[in-house]
Amino acid sequence: MTSEPIAARPEMPTEPARPVRWYNLIAYGSNDVLGAGSMAVISTWILIFYTSFCGLSAAQATIIFGVARVLDAFTSPTIGHLSDGLGRTWLGRKFGRRRFFILAAIPLLPSFAIMWVAGQGFWYYLVTYVLFEMVYAMEIIPYETLASEMATDYRTKAKFAGARILIGQCAAIAAAFLPGWLISYLGPDSPETYLYMGIIFSIAFMIAAGMLYIFSWERKRPPSLDAKAAADRPTLGASLKALYRNLFSTLRIRAFRLHLGMYLGGYISQDIYNAAFTYFVIFALAGSTGIVANLVGVTYVVQLIAVLIAINFALRLSPSAAYRAAAISFGIGVLLFVAMYGAGYTATAAVFWVPVLFAGLGRGALNYIPWATYNYMADVDEIVTGQRREGAFAGVMTFVRKMSQALAVILVGQVMQASGFVSKADVQSPTAIAAIVGVLGIGTIVILLFGIVAASRFHLDPQTHAVLIEEIEHLRDGARKPTSAANAAIVEDLTGWRYDALWGRNPVAGPAR
């Protein structure tokens, strides 16, 4: 690692920033129809589809998720790395180093629909699930870098995150209610419900990705930087080595480690809840898939309201405080569900809308806050490395997201299998029902507590971000000392590094590019 200041090699543009219009926000947010929409459909319905309509055991279903995650360990970070380097090629200069992948993914998005064809064998479901996961990574990882590409200030990035989560919540609402509407026409036992749902969402994915490509842009890189990158083109072996060095190096940024703790606490808890909730309602509460659709749909409606509240919290106050309040609300909702089951209520009881309200308010904020804070991780990394590595962070985030969701579904499936759960059965044993209730209650609460601990140590907010940007500009101008001791303390807390080791004077990202 070189020790000279990196001020002579800025990667930030010098031209005025392009204005962000309302249609840019909508186009950016619409792509979370794919992000949140597909994840909501999969987490809520895929296990029940596999075990009730495809004849797969809970163990076979979890094998599918496990294989997909092993392959994704290579796919997601590779795409992030490739998108970081595509700017040096003709394709990157013509279509955008991030946006090229989004454009290429559009004709492949119908792969989501073929996952939902009933009556096939294990290998069919394995191949189709893996195929969609690869297409998903190809589109979502570059997408996750675009907010940092199109905006630099805290408020605009927060608006991008807000647009993403608001529209994502609308997609999640559709993912909950759409099966219920289809069930009312096709009947509760028709597997065609899920196929039609897959087709409708595939069309929506393609439209959203097309809008994103048309109404987004990327930050222009100085020609000297691309020329240097082309001259220093690494070998394949060096690229793979750099890829995993970059991925592990992101964990050396303190704010990002805490951010991941919050992200995992909020999302894994919801993944466990989602995977168990359908079984909880059907078997523990004597409900039906139609009741599940209604309960989940109302939860997502409440989440939409919660996102609006959380946006104001994140913009004006502290993301950390908003996160802790949201986690507590979600936890109260889960505990109320378990308590009502213990009291003998069934799914038709009106009192079940009370925990739906608490859970929805908490879940909406937990969805928004980690993605709002994610948009600033590249800024924290930049003051450490002197580089812009949005692609590396996007690769880590998407990999962690899909891995965590798979682990949650695997946990639920394996516990159900061990407890004696029987596929296609209308009634389950008391042991299997107790396992479902335990996963929903204990599993969700334990992971939420993990997220609360991480949030209590996370200090990035509008004020500290402004200090961070001030110090980045200070170092870019060639300075080596902080503007003030107070600013130095803030930056050191966010980065986890001493001030004199910032701006590339450390081994975090390897040799400067």
Protein backbone atom coordinates (compact mmCIF):
# COMPACT_ATOMS: atom_id res chain seq x y z
CA MET A 1 0.00 0.00 0.00
CA THR A 2 1.41 3.37 -0.95
CA SER A 3 1.71 5.96 1.78
CA GLU A 4 1.35 9.18 -0.21
CA PRO A 5 -1.89 11.16 -0.01
CA ILE A 6 -4.46 10.27 -2.64
CA ALA A 7 -5.60 13.85 -3.18
CA ALA A 8 -3.91 13.85 -6.59
CA ARG A 9 -6.16 10.96 -7.71
CA PRO A 10 -9.72 12.00 -6.91
CA GLU A 11 -12.56 9.83 -8.16
CA MET A 12 -15.26 12.41 -7.51
CA PRO A 13 -16.58 14.43 -10.45
CA THR A 14 -15.75 18.08 -10.76
CA GLU A 15 -18.78 19.05 -12.88
CA PRO A 16 -22.00 20.19 -11.16
CA ALA A 17 -24.25 17.40 -9.96
CA ARG A 18 -27.28 16.63 -12.14
CA PRO A 19 -30.58 17.58 -10.51
CA VAL A 20 -32.66 14.70 -9.17
CA ARG A 21 -36.27 15.03 -10.37
CA TRP A 22 -39.39 13.32 -9.06
CA TYR A 23 -39.41 10.86 -11.95
CA ASN A 24 -35.82 9.83 -11.16
CA LEU A 25 -36.92 8.99 -7.62
CA ILE A 26 -39.94 7.04 -8.86
CA ALA A 27 -37.91 5.12 -11.45
CA TYR A 28 -35.25 4.27 -8.87
CA GLY A 29 -37.81 3.23 -6.28
CA SER A 30 -39.82 1.19 -8.80
CA ASN A 31 -36.99 -1.27 -9.18
CA ASP A 32 -37.66 -2.50 -5.65
CA VAL A 33 -40.71 -4.19 -7.15
CA LEU A 34 -38.04 -6.74 -8.05
CA GLY A 35 -36.02 -6.37 -4.85
CA ALA A 36 -38.71 -6.32 -2.16
CA GLY A 37 -41.46 -7.83 -4.30
CA SER A 38 -39.66 -11.02 -5.22
CA MET A 39 -38.27 -11.46 -1.70
CA ALA A 40 -41.75 -10.97 -0.19
CA VAL A 41 -43.25 -13.56 -2.53
CA ILE A 42 -40.46 -16.07 -1.90
CA SER A 43 -40.31 -15.65 1.86
CA THR A 44 -44.10 -15.85 2.29
CA TRP A 45 -45.14 -18.46 -0.26
CA ILE A 46 -42.24 -20.57 -1.56
CA LEU A 47 -42.13 -23.09 1.30
CA ILE A 48 -45.88 -23.65 1.33
CA PHE A 49 -45.83 -23.99 -2.49
CA TYR A 50 -43.01 -26.54 -2.43
CA THR A 51 -44.47 -28.62 0.40
CA SER A 52 -48.19 -28.37 -0.44
CA PHE A 53 -48.30 -28.35 -4.26
CA CYS A 54 -45.00 -29.83 -5.43
CA GLY A 55 -44.66 -32.80 -3.11
CA LEU A 56 -41.26 -31.74 -1.78
CA SER A 57 -40.38 -32.43 1.82
CA ALA A 58 -39.27 -29.54 4.07
CA ALA A 59 -35.73 -30.95 3.91
CA GLN A 60 -35.72 -30.98 0.08
CA ALA A 61 -36.97 -27.40 0.01
CA THR A 62 -34.14 -26.28 2.28
CA ILE A 63 -31.57 -28.07 0.09
CA ILE A 64 -32.70 -25.86 -2.80
CA PHE A 65 -32.02 -22.73 -0.77
CA GLY A 66 -28.68 -24.06 0.45
CA VAL A 67 -27.37 -24.88 -3.05
CA ALA A 68 -28.48 -21.50 -4.36
CA ARG A 69 -26.61 -19.74 -1.58
CA VAL A 70 -23.37 -21.63 -2.20
CA LEU A 71 -23.48 -20.60 -5.85
CA ASP A 72 -24.40 -17.07 -4.85
CA ALA A 73 -21.23 -16.86 -2.77
CA PHE A 74 -19.47 -16.53 -6.11
CA THR A 75 -22.14 -14.82 -8.24
CA SER A 76 -22.96 -11.74 -6.15
CA PRO A 77 -19.43 -10.56 -5.32
CA THR A 78 -18.26 -11.29 -8.87
CA ILE A 79 -20.96 -9.06 -10.35
CA GLY A 80 -20.09 -6.30 -7.88
CA HIS A 81 -16.44 -6.55 -8.84
CA LEU A 82 -17.16 -6.65 -12.57
CA SER A 83 -19.41 -3.59 -12.37
CA ASP A 84 -16.67 -1.65 -10.57
CA GLY A 85 -14.27 -2.36 -13.45
CA LEU A 86 -16.60 -2.24 -16.46
CA GLY A 87 -16.09 1.52 -16.84
CA ARG A 88 -12.75 0.88 -18.54
CA THR A 89 -14.45 -1.04 -21.40
CA TRP A 90 -16.47 0.07 -24.42
CA LEU A 91 -19.61 -1.51 -22.97
CA GLY A 92 -19.21 0.43 -19.75
CA ARG A 93 -18.63 3.72 -21.53
CA LYS A 94 -21.60 3.11 -23.87
CA PHE A 95 -24.22 1.76 -21.46
CA GLY A 96 -22.78 2.55 -18.00
CA ARG A 97 -20.64 0.30 -15.84
CA ARG A 98 -23.64 -0.38 -13.53
CA ARG A 99 -26.54 0.16 -15.90
CA PHE A 100 -25.25 -2.30 -18.52
CA PHE A 101 -26.07 -5.19 -16.17
CA ILE A 102 -29.56 -3.82 -15.55
CA LEU A 103 -30.23 -3.62 -19.28
CA ALA A 104 -28.90 -7.13 -19.89
CA ALA A 105 -31.06 -8.59 -17.11
CA ILE A 106 -34.40 -7.35 -18.47
CA PRO A 107 -35.07 -10.21 -20.96
CA LEU A 108 -34.06 -12.77 -18.31
CA LEU A 109 -36.50 -11.67 -15.60
CA PRO A 110 -39.33 -14.03 -16.70
CA SER A 111 -37.21 -16.73 -15.06
CA PHE A 112 -39.22 -15.83 -11.94
CA ALA A 113 -42.44 -17.19 -13.49
CA ILE A 114 -41.08 -20.64 -14.35
CA MET A 115 -40.28 -21.24 -10.67
CA TRP A 116 -44.01 -21.57 -9.96
CA VAL A 117 -44.97 -24.45 -12.27
CA ALA A 118 -46.49 -27.16 -10.07
CA GLY A 119 -46.09 -30.91 -10.43
CA GLN A 120 -42.40 -30.97 -11.38
CA GLY A 121 -39.51 -32.79 -9.73
CA PHE A 122 -36.84 -31.70 -7.26
CA TRP A 123 -34.25 -30.94 -9.95
CA TYR A 124 -36.64 -28.70 -11.86
CA TYR A 125 -37.24 -26.53 -8.78
CA LEU A 126 -33.56 -26.47 -7.93
CA VAL A 127 -32.49 -25.31 -11.40
CA THR A 128 -35.26 -22.72 -11.80
CA TYR A 129 -34.65 -21.24 -8.35
CA VAL A 130 -30.90 -20.98 -8.93
CA LEU A 131 -31.48 -19.40 -12.35
CA PHE A 132 -33.70 -16.67 -10.94
CA GLU A 133 -31.29 -15.98 -8.08
CA MET A 134 -28.47 -15.39 -10.56
CA VAL A 135 -30.60 -13.05 -12.68
CA TYR A 136 -31.67 -11.27 -9.49
CA ALA A 137 -28.04 -10.71 -8.48
CA MET A 138 -27.17 -9.50 -11.97
CA GLU A 139 -29.81 -6.75 -11.73
CA ILE A 140 -29.95 -5.84 -8.06
CA ILE A 141 -26.25 -5.47 -7.26
CA PRO A 142 -25.63 -2.70 -9.84
CA TYR A 143 -28.96 -1.13 -8.83
CA GLU A 144 -27.83 -0.79 -5.24
CA THR A 145 -24.92 1.44 -6.32
CA LEU A 146 -27.01 3.95 -8.26
CA ALA A 147 -28.17 6.13 -5.34
CA SER A 148 -24.53 6.86 -4.51
CA GLU A 149 -23.81 7.42 -8.20
CA MET A 150 -26.63 9.92 -8.70
CA ALA A 151 -26.44 11.84 -5.39
CA THR A 152 -23.82 12.95 -2.90
CA ASP A 153 -25.73 14.77 -0.14
CA TYR A 154 -27.45 13.12 2.84
CA ARG A 155 -31.00 14.31 2.15
CA THR A 156 -31.09 13.28 -1.51
CA LYS A 157 -29.73 9.83 -0.71
CA ALA A 158 -32.36 9.51 2.01
CA LYS A 159 -35.03 10.40 -0.56
CA PHE A 160 -33.75 7.67 -2.89
CA ALA A 161 -33.91 5.18 -0.03
CA GLY A 162 -37.39 6.38 0.88
CA ALA A 163 -38.63 6.01 -2.70
CA ARG A 164 -37.16 2.54 -2.87
CA ILE A 165 -38.73 1.31 0.34
CA LEU A 166 -42.12 2.98 -0.25
CA ILE A 167 -42.55 1.40 -3.67
CA GLY A 168 -41.05 -1.84 -2.38
CA GLN A 169 -43.70 -1.93 0.33
CA CYS A 170 -46.39 -1.46 -2.31
CA ALA A 171 -44.91 -4.46 -4.15
CA ALA A 172 -44.93 -6.45 -0.92
CA ILE A 173 -48.60 -5.55 -0.41
CA ALA A 174 -49.33 -6.92 -3.89
CA ALA A 175 -47.30 -10.04 -3.04
CA ALA A 176 -49.58 -10.61 -0.06
CA PHE A 177 -52.99 -9.74 -1.51
CA LEU A 178 -52.54 -11.04 -5.06
CA PRO A 179 -52.60 -14.73 -4.07
CA GLY A 180 -55.73 -14.07 -2.03
CA TRP A 181 -57.49 -12.53 -5.03
CA LEU A 182 -56.37 -15.38 -7.28
CA ILE A 183 -57.52 -17.94 -4.69
CA SER A 184 -60.98 -16.38 -4.70
CA TYR A 185 -61.21 -17.05 -8.47
CA LEU A 186 -59.27 -20.30 -8.81
CA GLY A 187 -60.07 -21.98 -5.50
CA PRO A 188 -57.85 -22.68 -2.49
CA ASP A 189 -56.40 -25.89 -3.91
CA SER A 190 -55.33 -24.62 -7.35
CA PRO A 191 -51.55 -24.48 -7.99
CA GLU A 192 -52.27 -22.15 -10.93
CA THR A 193 -52.60 -19.37 -8.33
CA TYR A 194 -48.83 -19.28 -7.91
CA LEU A 195 -48.04 -19.54 -11.63
CA TYR A 196 -50.25 -16.57 -12.48
CA MET A 197 -48.69 -14.65 -9.62
CA GLY A 198 -45.22 -15.40 -11.03
CA ILE A 199 -46.21 -14.24 -14.51
CA ILE A 200 -47.72 -10.98 -13.23
CA PHE A 201 -44.66 -10.18 -11.15
CA SER A 202 -42.26 -11.06 -13.99
CA ILE A 203 -43.95 -8.48 -16.22
CA ALA A 204 -43.76 -5.91 -13.42
CA PHE A 205 -40.04 -6.68 -12.92
CA MET A 206 -39.28 -6.02 -16.59
CA ILE A 207 -41.19 -2.74 -16.65
CA ALA A 208 -39.47 -1.53 -13.47
CA ALA A 209 -35.98 -2.43 -14.71
CA GLY A 210 -36.66 -0.64 -18.00
CA MET A 211 -37.75 2.54 -16.20
CA LEU A 212 -34.67 2.38 -13.99
CA TYR A 213 -32.34 2.19 -16.98
CA ILE A 214 -34.03 5.08 -18.80
CA PHE A 215 -34.22 7.51 -15.85
CA SER A 216 -30.94 6.84 -14.05
CA TRP A 217 -27.34 7.87 -14.65
CA GLU A 218 -23.86 7.29 -13.30
CA ARG A 219 -21.25 9.61 -11.91
CA LYS A 220 -18.70 10.57 -14.55
CA ARG A 221 -15.18 9.38 -13.79
CA PRO A 222 -12.17 11.51 -14.76
CA PRO A 223 -10.64 10.30 -18.07
CA SER A 224 -7.25 10.04 -16.39
CA LEU A 225 -8.67 7.50 -13.93
CA ASP A 226 -10.11 5.27 -16.66
CA ALA A 227 -6.86 5.56 -18.65
CA LYS A 228 -4.87 4.47 -15.63
CA ALA A 229 -7.29 1.62 -14.97
CA ALA A 230 -6.97 0.40 -18.58
CA ALA A 231 -3.18 0.49 -18.37
CA ASP A 232 -3.24 -1.46 -15.10
CA ARG A 233 -5.75 -4.11 -16.26
CA PRO A 234 -5.21 -7.06 -13.88
CA THR A 235 -4.94 -10.72 -14.82
CA LEU A 236 -7.81 -13.12 -14.07
CA GLY A 237 -6.02 -14.47 -11.00
CA ALA A 238 -5.27 -10.97 -9.74
CA SER A 239 -8.89 -9.97 -10.31
CA LEU A 240 -10.21 -12.85 -8.21
CA LYS A 241 -7.73 -12.07 -5.48
CA ALA A 242 -8.72 -8.40 -5.54
CA LEU A 243 -12.38 -9.38 -5.53
CA TYR A 244 -12.31 -11.22 -2.23
CA ARG A 245 -9.82 -8.80 -0.70
CA ASN A 246 -12.31 -6.01 -1.42
CA LEU A 247 -15.17 -7.99 0.05
CA PHE A 248 -13.40 -8.77 3.29
CA SER A 249 -11.99 -5.25 3.44
CA THR A 250 -15.48 -3.74 3.64
CA LEU A 251 -15.82 -5.40 7.05
CA ARG A 252 -12.86 -3.35 8.28
CA ILE A 253 -15.07 -0.24 8.21
CA ARG A 254 -16.68 0.09 11.65
CA ALA A 255 -19.86 1.84 10.48
CA PHE A 256 -20.40 -0.87 7.88
CA ARG A 257 -19.98 -3.66 10.42
CA LEU A 258 -22.60 -2.04 12.67
CA HIS A 259 -24.79 -1.36 9.66
CA LEU A 260 -24.67 -5.06 8.77
CA GLY A 261 -25.62 -5.89 12.36
CA MET A 262 -28.69 -3.68 12.07
CA TYR A 263 -29.49 -4.99 8.61
CA LEU A 264 -29.25 -8.62 9.63
CA GLY A 265 -31.15 -8.03 12.86
CA GLY A 266 -34.01 -6.37 11.01
CA TYR A 267 -34.16 -8.61 7.97
CA ILE A 268 -33.33 -12.07 9.33
CA SER A 269 -35.93 -11.58 12.07
CA GLN A 270 -38.48 -10.82 9.35
CA ASP A 271 -37.32 -13.75 7.22
CA ILE A 272 -37.84 -16.16 10.13
CA TYR A 273 -41.20 -14.57 10.88
CA ASN A 274 -42.30 -14.72 7.22
CA ALA A 275 -41.22 -18.33 6.72
CA ALA A 276 -43.00 -19.50 9.88
CA PHE A 277 -46.04 -17.22 9.76
CA THR A 278 -47.90 -19.02 6.97
CA TYR A 279 -47.58 -22.34 8.81
CA PHE A 280 -48.40 -20.63 12.13
CA VAL A 281 -51.72 -19.29 10.81
CA ILE A 282 -52.72 -22.45 8.93
CA PHE A 283 -51.78 -25.10 11.49
CA ALA A 284 -51.48 -23.37 14.88
CA LEU A 285 -54.45 -21.01 14.40
CA ALA A 286 -56.64 -23.25 12.19
CA GLY A 287 -56.58 -20.68 9.38
CA SER A 288 -56.23 -20.85 5.57
CA THR A 289 -54.05 -19.43 2.80
CA GLY A 290 -56.72 -16.80 2.20
CA ILE A 291 -56.50 -15.63 5.81
CA VAL A 292 -52.69 -15.61 5.54
CA ALA A 293 -52.93 -13.37 2.47
CA ASN A 294 -55.22 -10.92 4.28
CA LEU A 295 -53.14 -10.79 7.48
CA VAL A 296 -49.87 -10.40 5.58
CA GLY A 297 -51.41 -7.84 3.24
CA VAL A 298 -52.66 -5.65 6.08
CA THR A 299 -49.24 -5.97 7.73
CA TYR A 300 -47.62 -4.59 4.58
CA VAL A 301 -50.13 -1.73 4.43
CA VAL A 302 -49.16 -0.78 7.98
CA GLN A 303 -45.50 -1.12 7.00
CA LEU A 304 -46.06 1.44 4.25
CA ILE A 305 -47.28 3.96 6.85
CA ALA A 306 -44.34 3.10 9.07
CA VAL A 307 -41.88 3.85 6.25
CA LEU A 308 -43.30 7.38 5.93
CA ILE A 309 -42.74 7.88 9.65
CA ALA A 310 -39.25 6.38 9.52
CA ILE A 311 -38.18 8.65 6.66
CA ASN A 312 -38.79 11.69 8.87
CA PHE A 313 -36.93 10.08 11.77
CA ALA A 314 -33.92 9.25 9.61
CA LEU A 315 -33.81 12.69 8.00
CA ARG A 316 -34.31 14.76 11.16
CA LEU A 317 -33.21 12.68 14.12
CA SER A 318 -31.23 9.48 14.58
CA PRO A 319 -31.46 6.31 12.47
CA SER A 320 -30.21 4.40 15.51
CA ALA A 321 -33.04 5.58 17.77
CA ALA A 322 -35.64 4.95 15.06
CA TYR A 323 -34.30 1.43 14.56
CA ARG A 324 -34.50 0.55 18.26
CA ALA A 325 -38.08 1.82 18.48
CA ALA A 326 -39.03 -0.18 15.38
CA ALA A 327 -37.45 -3.39 16.70
CA ILE A 328 -39.34 -3.06 19.98
CA SER A 329 -42.65 -2.54 18.14
CA PHE A 330 -42.07 -5.61 15.96
CA GLY A 331 -41.10 -7.66 19.01
CA ILE A 332 -44.31 -6.67 20.82
CA GLY A 333 -46.35 -7.82 17.82
CA VAL A 334 -44.62 -11.22 17.75
CA LEU A 335 -45.08 -11.75 21.49
CA LEU A 336 -48.76 -10.86 21.22
CA PHE A 337 -49.25 -13.43 18.44
CA VAL A 338 -47.66 -16.14 20.58
CA ALA A 339 -49.64 -15.10 23.66
CA MET A 340 -52.92 -15.19 21.75
CA TYR A 341 -52.11 -18.65 20.43
CA GLY A 342 -51.44 -19.75 24.01
CA ALA A 343 -54.80 -18.30 25.05
CA GLY A 344 -56.59 -20.45 22.46
CA TYR A 345 -57.59 -17.83 19.88
CA THR A 346 -58.08 -18.85 16.24
CA ALA A 347 -57.11 -16.94 13.09
CA THR A 348 -60.64 -15.56 12.67
CA ALA A 349 -60.53 -13.62 15.95
CA ALA A 350 -60.72 -9.85 15.47
CA VAL A 351 -58.14 -9.34 18.21
CA PHE A 352 -55.41 -10.57 15.82
CA TRP A 353 -55.37 -7.16 14.13
CA VAL A 354 -53.65 -5.73 17.26
CA PRO A 355 -50.36 -7.65 16.83
CA VAL A 356 -50.61 -7.02 13.08
CA LEU A 357 -50.51 -3.29 13.83
CA PHE A 358 -47.47 -3.51 16.12
CA ALA A 359 -45.61 -5.90 13.81
CA GLY A 360 -46.34 -3.82 10.71
CA LEU A 361 -45.18 -0.54 12.27
CA GLY A 362 -41.93 -2.12 13.38
CA ARG A 363 -41.25 -4.03 10.17
CA GLY A 364 -41.76 -1.01 7.92
CA ALA A 365 -39.16 1.04 9.75
CA LEU A 366 -36.77 -1.92 9.96
CA ASN A 367 -37.01 -2.26 6.17
CA TYR A 368 -36.25 1.40 5.52
CA ILE A 369 -33.55 2.33 8.02
CA PRO A 370 -30.78 -0.10 6.98
CA TRP A 371 -31.15 0.86 3.32
CA ALA A 372 -31.19 4.56 4.20
CA THR A 373 -27.91 4.21 6.11
CA TYR A 374 -26.41 1.94 3.43
CA ASN A 375 -26.31 4.81 0.96
CA TYR A 376 -23.66 6.50 3.13
CA MET A 377 -21.35 3.51 3.58
CA ALA A 378 -19.35 4.34 0.44
CA ASP A 379 -18.70 7.80 1.93
CA VAL A 380 -17.32 6.29 5.12
CA ASP A 381 -15.23 3.91 3.05
CA GLU A 382 -13.95 6.73 0.84
CA ILE A 383 -12.36 8.60 3.72
CA VAL A 384 -10.57 5.38 4.70
CA THR A 385 -9.43 4.23 1.26
CA GLY A 386 -9.56 7.33 -0.95
CA GLN A 387 -11.61 5.27 -3.40
CA ARG A 388 -15.26 4.91 -4.42
CA ARG A 389 -16.19 1.21 -4.03
CA GLU A 390 -19.97 1.17 -4.28
CA GLY A 391 -19.86 -2.07 -6.26
CA ALA A 392 -17.94 -3.95 -3.57
CA PHE A 393 -20.42 -2.86 -0.91
CA ALA A 394 -23.40 -3.69 -3.13
CA GLY A 395 -21.99 -7.17 -3.70
CA VAL A 396 -21.60 -7.75 0.03
CA MET A 397 -25.08 -6.42 0.81
CA THR A 398 -26.85 -8.55 -1.80
CA PHE A 399 -24.85 -11.64 -0.86
CA VAL A 400 -25.59 -11.14 2.85
CA ARG A 401 -29.27 -10.46 2.14
CA LYS A 402 -29.84 -13.59 0.12
CA MET A 403 -27.66 -15.74 2.36
CA SER A 404 -29.53 -14.54 5.45
CA GLN A 405 -32.92 -15.18 3.88
CA ALA A 406 -31.87 -18.67 2.85
CA LEU A 407 -30.52 -19.46 6.31
CA ALA A 408 -33.80 -18.31 7.84
CA VAL A 409 -35.85 -20.49 5.51
CA ILE A 410 -33.45 -23.42 6.04
CA LEU A 411 -33.78 -23.02 9.81
CA VAL A 412 -37.58 -23.07 9.63
CA GLY A 413 -37.63 -26.01 7.23
CA GLN A 414 -35.17 -28.12 9.19
CA VAL A 415 -36.90 -27.49 12.51
CA MET A 416 -40.24 -28.44 10.94
CA GLN A 417 -38.75 -31.58 9.41
CA ALA A 418 -37.18 -32.63 12.72
CA SER A 419 -40.46 -32.02 14.55
CA GLY A 420 -42.37 -34.43 12.30
CA PHE A 421 -43.99 -32.02 9.83
CA VAL A 422 -45.81 -33.93 7.04
CA SER A 423 -46.02 -32.40 3.54
CA LYS A 424 -49.53 -32.03 2.03
CA ALA A 425 -51.17 -32.93 5.38
CA ASP A 426 -54.19 -30.89 6.47
CA VAL A 427 -53.38 -31.31 10.18
CA GLN A 428 -49.98 -31.45 11.90
CA SER A 429 -48.92 -33.11 15.14
CA PRO A 430 -48.72 -31.11 18.41
CA THR A 431 -44.93 -31.43 18.26
CA ALA A 432 -44.78 -29.90 14.78
CA ILE A 433 -47.11 -27.06 15.80
CA ALA A 434 -45.04 -26.35 18.93
CA ALA A 435 -41.91 -26.16 16.74
CA ILE A 436 -43.60 -23.66 14.40
CA VAL A 437 -44.69 -21.46 17.31
CA GLY A 438 -41.21 -21.65 18.86
CA VAL A 439 -39.49 -20.60 15.66
CA LEU A 440 -41.90 -17.70 15.16
CA GLY A 441 -41.52 -16.43 18.72
CA ILE A 442 -38.04 -17.29 19.99
CA GLY A 443 -36.25 -17.14 16.63
CA THR A 444 -37.63 -13.71 15.73
CA ILE A 445 -37.02 -12.12 19.14
CA VAL A 446 -33.42 -13.36 19.50
CA ILE A 447 -32.39 -11.90 16.14
CA LEU A 448 -34.16 -8.61 16.91
CA LEU A 449 -32.11 -8.26 20.10
CA PHE A 450 -28.93 -8.70 18.06
CA GLY A 451 -29.97 -5.80 15.82
CA ILE A 452 -30.80 -3.56 18.80
CA VAL A 453 -27.30 -4.08 20.23
CA ALA A 454 -25.71 -3.08 16.90
CA ALA A 455 -27.98 -0.01 16.56
CA SER A 456 -27.03 1.26 20.01
CA ARG A 457 -23.41 1.62 18.81
CA PHE A 458 -24.20 3.13 15.38
CA HIS A 459 -23.64 6.90 15.33
CA LEU A 460 -24.12 7.92 11.68
CA ASP A 461 -26.76 10.64 11.38
CA PRO A 462 -27.21 13.90 9.41
CA GLN A 463 -24.81 15.80 11.66
CA THR A 464 -22.00 13.24 11.68
CA HIS A 465 -22.41 12.65 7.93
CA ALA A 466 -21.94 16.38 7.30
CA VAL A 467 -18.70 16.24 9.31
CA LEU A 468 -17.61 13.19 7.31
CA ILE A 469 -18.13 14.97 3.97
CA GLU A 470 -16.29 18.04 5.28
CA GLU A 471 -13.29 15.92 6.23
CA ILE A 472 -13.33 14.08 2.88
CA GLU A 473 -13.06 17.41 1.05
CA HIS A 474 -10.38 18.51 3.52
CA LEU A 475 -8.26 15.43 2.75
CA ARG A 476 -8.94 15.64 -0.98
CA ASP A 477 -7.38 19.11 -0.93
CA GLY A 478 -4.14 17.54 0.33
CA ALA A 479 -4.48 18.05 4.08
CA ARG A 480 -3.22 15.44 6.53
CA LYS A 481 -4.48 16.90 9.80
CA PRO A 482 -8.17 17.12 10.86
CA THR A 483 -10.04 20.41 10.77
CA SER A 484 -10.71 20.01 14.51
CA ALA A 485 -10.28 17.48 17.29
CA ALA A 486 -14.06 17.07 17.49
CA ASN A 487 -14.29 16.25 13.79
CA ALA A 488 -11.44 13.79 14.10
CA ALA A 489 -13.23 11.98 16.93
CA ILE A 490 -16.43 11.68 14.86
CA VAL A 491 -14.61 10.34 11.81
CA GLU A 492 -12.58 7.87 13.89
CA ASP A 493 -15.77 6.58 15.50
CA LEU A 494 -17.43 6.06 12.11
CA THR A 495 -14.43 4.45 10.43
CA GLY A 496 -12.76 2.59 13.28
CA TRP A 497 -9.38 3.99 12.15
CA ARG A 498 -7.08 6.67 13.52
CA TYR A 499 -7.20 9.90 11.55
CA ASP A 500 -3.55 9.67 10.52
CA ALA A 501 -4.29 6.30 8.88
CA LEU A 502 -7.14 7.62 6.70
CA TRP A 503 -7.22 8.51 3.01
CA GLY A 504 -5.36 5.44 1.80
CA ARG A 505 -2.66 5.33 4.45
CA ASN A 506 -3.84 1.86 5.49
CA PRO A 507 -4.11 -1.65 3.99
CA VAL A 508 -7.93 -1.71 3.76
CA ALA A 509 -8.42 -1.69 -0.02
CA GLY A 510 -4.99 -2.86 -1.08
CA PRO A 511 -2.96 -0.94 -3.66
CA ALA A 512 -4.60 2.27 -4.78
CA ARG A 513 -6.31 2.12 -8.12
